Amino acid sequence: MSSRNKILLKIIILGDSGVGKTSLMNRYVKNKFTNQYKATIGADFLGKEISVENKTVTMQIWDTAGQERFQSLGVAFYRGADCCMLVYDVTEPQSFEHLEQWRDEFLIQASPQDPESFPFVVIGNKIDKEDRKVQQKRVQAWCENKQNIPFFETSAKDSTNVNNAFEQVAKNFLENSRVSNKEYFPKNIAIIGDDEESDEEVRESKCC
């Protein structure tokens, strides 16, 4: 396939801690799921290549920390983003209520050329659980009020709708952009966690 049909797409996943951002990324890229929770330190990313509309799209998916202490790093991680996935937990109403804040903060820090038409996708995760507290109609109304943002309910645990949600991100980007050879190679960013707050090893995000 010619280089003109190859696209590098940078996707940012945002949402409160514990909504399943890392699990969604791992389910989509690696088709794996674990119940063991570890908070993301700073940010990490995985890549996956797919074919959309006869184009090869390399999806560079950035999983970002939901803790407030890391939000000041947004400028570094959000820069050059093509799409953003806003994730909430259907069993945690507050995580949905925070989507507005996540969206606004992203637009401020990423500074896209056209904020009004920047492609977002909203994900309601953990539909495998029985104690749902956020109803679809409420979320759909919010999405419609925000330029009809696409909305999916997913389960990273059993993989329900995960592929559809990520592939919709790529389709939205292709439909709303005139894509040329876009390349994005982030610098290595080392994030040092507070040992008293997390026992997770220090991570370094590396472009491969």
Protein backbone atom coordinates (compact mmCIF):
# COMPACT_ATOMS: atom_id res chain seq x y z
CA MET A 1 0.00 0.00 0.00
CA SER A 2 1.36 3.43 -0.92
CA SER A 3 2.59 5.78 1.80
CA ARG A 4 -0.15 8.29 0.95
CA ASN A 5 -2.70 5.81 2.30
CA LYS A 6 -0.90 5.38 5.62
CA ILE A 7 -2.08 7.52 8.50
CA LEU A 8 -0.83 7.91 12.05
CA LEU A 9 -3.71 8.71 14.39
CA LYS A 10 -3.05 9.90 17.95
CA ILE A 11 -5.91 9.14 20.34
CA ILE A 12 -6.15 10.37 23.93
CA ILE A 13 -8.25 8.48 26.48
CA LEU A 14 -9.53 10.67 29.33
CA GLY A 15 -11.68 10.09 32.39
CA ASP A 16 -11.62 9.65 36.15
CA SER A 17 -9.39 7.08 37.83
CA GLY A 18 -10.87 3.60 37.83
CA VAL A 19 -13.30 3.98 34.93
CA GLY A 20 -11.36 1.42 32.88
CA LYS A 21 -9.24 3.47 30.47
CA THR A 22 -6.26 1.12 30.67
CA SER A 23 -8.52 -1.94 30.45
CA LEU A 24 -10.20 -0.59 27.30
CA MET A 25 -6.84 0.05 25.65
CA ASN A 26 -5.48 -3.38 26.58
CA ARG A 27 -8.67 -5.12 25.46
CA TYR A 28 -8.59 -3.39 22.08
CA VAL A 29 -4.87 -3.69 21.35
CA LYS A 30 -3.95 -6.93 23.13
CA ASN A 31 -7.39 -8.54 23.59
CA LYS A 32 -6.54 -9.01 27.27
CA PHE A 33 -8.28 -8.13 30.50
CA THR A 34 -7.27 -8.30 34.16
CA ASN A 35 -9.27 -7.55 37.30
CA GLN A 36 -6.11 -6.37 39.03
CA TYR A 37 -6.17 -2.56 39.19
CA LYS A 38 -3.05 -0.42 38.94
CA ALA A 39 -3.28 3.33 38.58
CA THR A 40 -1.61 4.74 35.48
CA ILE A 41 1.37 6.95 36.33
CA GLY A 42 1.41 9.95 33.99
CA ALA A 43 0.65 8.36 30.64
CA ASP A 44 1.42 5.32 28.52
CA PHE A 45 0.52 4.29 25.01
CA LEU A 46 0.05 1.29 22.75
CA GLY A 47 -0.25 1.09 18.99
CA LYS A 48 -2.48 -0.90 16.67
CA GLU A 49 -2.71 -0.92 12.89
CA ILE A 50 -6.10 -1.26 11.21
CA SER A 51 -7.55 -0.76 7.74
CA VAL A 52 -10.28 1.87 7.28
CA GLU A 53 -11.64 2.97 3.90
CA ASN A 54 -8.69 1.42 2.04
CA LYS A 55 -6.26 3.31 4.26
CA THR A 56 -3.83 1.83 6.76
CA VAL A 57 -4.36 3.61 10.06
CA THR A 58 -1.82 3.23 12.86
CA MET A 59 -3.67 4.09 16.04
CA GLN A 60 -1.38 5.47 18.74
CA ILE A 61 -3.58 5.20 21.83
CA TRP A 62 -2.57 7.25 24.87
CA ASP A 63 -3.86 6.10 28.25
CA THR A 64 -3.66 9.01 30.69
CA ALA A 65 -3.75 9.18 34.47
CA GLY A 66 -7.06 10.17 35.99
CA GLN A 67 -5.52 11.56 39.19
CA GLU A 68 -5.67 15.31 39.63
CA ARG A 69 -1.95 15.48 40.47
CA PHE A 70 -1.07 14.52 36.89
CA GLN A 71 -3.45 16.84 35.05
CA SER A 72 -0.83 19.58 34.74
CA LEU A 73 1.03 17.27 32.34
CA GLY A 74 -1.82 17.48 29.85
CA VAL A 75 -0.13 19.93 27.51
CA ALA A 76 2.73 17.50 26.86
CA PHE A 77 0.51 14.49 26.31
CA TYR A 78 -2.41 16.10 24.47
CA ARG A 79 -0.33 18.00 21.91
CA GLY A 80 -0.86 16.67 18.40
CA ALA A 81 -3.95 14.65 19.34
CA ASP A 82 -6.35 13.80 16.53
CA CYS A 83 -9.22 12.39 18.60
CA CYS A 84 -10.24 12.07 22.23
CA MET A 85 -12.20 9.35 24.00
CA LEU A 86 -14.08 10.46 27.12
CA VAL A 87 -14.68 7.49 29.42
CA TYR A 88 -16.98 7.11 32.41
CA ASP A 89 -18.13 4.19 34.55
CA VAL A 90 -21.86 3.43 34.22
CA THR A 91 -21.92 2.52 37.93
CA GLU A 92 -20.35 5.82 39.06
CA PRO A 93 -22.50 8.92 38.26
CA GLN A 94 -19.74 11.30 39.32
CA SER A 95 -17.44 9.93 36.62
CA PHE A 96 -20.05 10.93 34.02
CA GLU A 97 -20.57 14.33 35.60
CA HIS A 98 -16.83 14.97 35.26
CA LEU A 99 -16.83 14.46 31.47
CA GLU A 100 -17.61 18.14 30.90
CA GLN A 101 -14.52 19.10 32.87
CA TRP A 102 -12.34 16.57 31.06
CA ARG A 103 -13.56 17.79 27.68
CA ASP A 104 -13.06 21.46 28.49
CA GLU A 105 -9.60 20.89 29.96
CA PHE A 106 -8.54 18.88 26.92
CA LEU A 107 -9.63 21.61 24.51
CA ILE A 108 -7.78 24.24 26.54
CA GLN A 109 -4.54 22.28 26.75
CA ALA A 110 -4.55 20.62 23.32
CA SER A 111 -5.57 23.87 21.57
CA PRO A 112 -6.95 22.25 18.38
CA GLN A 113 -7.39 24.53 15.36
CA ASP A 114 -11.15 24.03 15.34
CA PRO A 115 -12.39 23.19 18.87
CA GLU A 116 -16.05 23.13 17.81
CA SER A 117 -15.54 20.27 15.38
CA PHE A 118 -12.78 18.35 17.19
CA PRO A 119 -13.75 14.63 17.17
CA PHE A 120 -14.68 13.15 20.54
CA VAL A 121 -16.25 9.79 21.38
CA VAL A 122 -17.98 9.11 24.71
CA ILE A 123 -17.59 5.67 26.28
CA GLY A 124 -19.76 4.31 29.10
CA ASN A 125 -17.71 1.39 30.42
CA LYS A 126 -18.45 -1.55 32.76
CA ILE A 127 -21.89 -2.48 31.41
CA ASP A 128 -21.15 -6.04 32.55
CA LYS A 129 -21.91 -4.88 36.09
CA GLU A 130 -25.45 -5.08 37.47
CA ASP A 131 -25.46 -1.89 39.56
CA ARG A 132 -25.87 0.63 36.73
CA LYS A 133 -26.50 4.17 37.92
CA VAL A 134 -26.04 6.23 34.74
CA GLN A 135 -28.83 5.79 32.22
CA GLN A 136 -28.29 5.91 28.45
CA LYS A 137 -30.84 8.68 27.85
CA ARG A 138 -28.96 11.04 30.16
CA VAL A 139 -25.70 10.50 28.33
CA GLN A 140 -27.28 10.67 24.88
CA ALA A 141 -28.81 14.05 25.74
CA TRP A 142 -25.41 15.36 26.84
CA CYS A 143 -23.74 14.05 23.67
CA GLU A 144 -26.40 15.60 21.44
CA ASN A 145 -25.82 18.93 23.15
CA LYS A 146 -22.11 18.68 22.31
CA GLN A 147 -22.36 18.55 18.51
CA ASN A 148 -23.74 14.98 18.53
CA ILE A 149 -20.70 13.22 19.97
CA PRO A 150 -20.82 9.48 19.16
CA PHE A 151 -21.67 7.41 22.23
CA PHE A 152 -20.94 3.76 23.02
CA GLU A 153 -21.52 1.58 26.05
CA THR A 154 -18.77 -0.98 26.51
CA SER A 155 -17.37 -3.70 28.70
CA ALA A 156 -13.61 -4.07 28.69
CA LYS A 157 -14.14 -7.24 30.70
CA ASP A 158 -16.16 -9.14 28.09
CA SER A 159 -15.11 -6.94 25.10
CA THR A 160 -18.66 -5.72 24.31
CA ASN A 161 -18.53 -2.83 21.80
CA VAL A 162 -14.83 -2.10 22.42
CA ASN A 163 -13.73 -2.63 18.83
CA ASN A 164 -16.70 -0.64 17.53
CA ALA A 165 -15.85 2.32 19.75
CA PHE A 166 -12.20 2.53 18.70
CA GLU A 167 -12.96 2.01 15.03
CA GLN A 168 -15.57 4.77 15.19
CA VAL A 169 -12.80 7.12 16.34
CA ALA A 170 -10.80 6.36 13.19
CA LYS A 171 -13.85 6.71 10.95
CA ASN A 172 -14.80 10.05 12.49
CA PHE A 173 -11.32 11.38 11.92
CA LEU A 174 -11.24 10.31 8.29
CA GLU A 175 -14.70 11.74 7.64
CA ASN A 176 -13.92 15.11 9.21
CA SER A 177 -10.38 15.68 8.01
CA ARG A 178 -8.44 15.96 4.82
CA VAL A 179 -5.60 13.67 5.74
CA SER A 180 -2.12 14.03 4.31
CA ASN A 181 0.98 12.16 5.46
CA LYS A 182 0.73 12.95 9.16
CA GLU A 183 3.52 11.84 11.42
CA TYR A 184 3.82 12.36 15.15
CA PHE A 185 6.83 11.19 17.11
CA PRO A 186 6.64 12.28 20.76
CA LYS A 187 9.75 12.78 22.80
CA ASN A 188 10.43 10.28 25.56
CA ILE A 189 8.72 11.44 28.74
CA ALA A 190 9.69 9.98 32.10
CA ILE A 191 7.10 10.26 34.88
CA ILE A 192 8.18 9.67 38.46
CA GLY A 193 5.42 8.57 40.81
CA ASP A 194 5.14 9.26 44.53
CA ASP A 195 6.10 6.04 46.33
CA GLU A 196 3.71 6.84 49.15
CA GLU A 197 0.78 7.07 46.75
CA SER A 198 1.54 4.23 44.38
CA ASP A 199 3.69 1.11 44.43
CA GLU A 200 3.75 0.96 40.63
CA GLU A 201 7.12 1.12 38.97
CA VAL A 202 8.21 4.33 37.32
CA ARG A 203 7.15 4.31 33.69
CA GLU A 204 8.71 5.81 30.63
CA SER A 205 6.67 6.41 27.51
CA LYS A 206 8.69 5.58 24.45
CA CYS A 207 7.84 5.95 20.82
CA CYS A 208 8.63 2.78 18.92
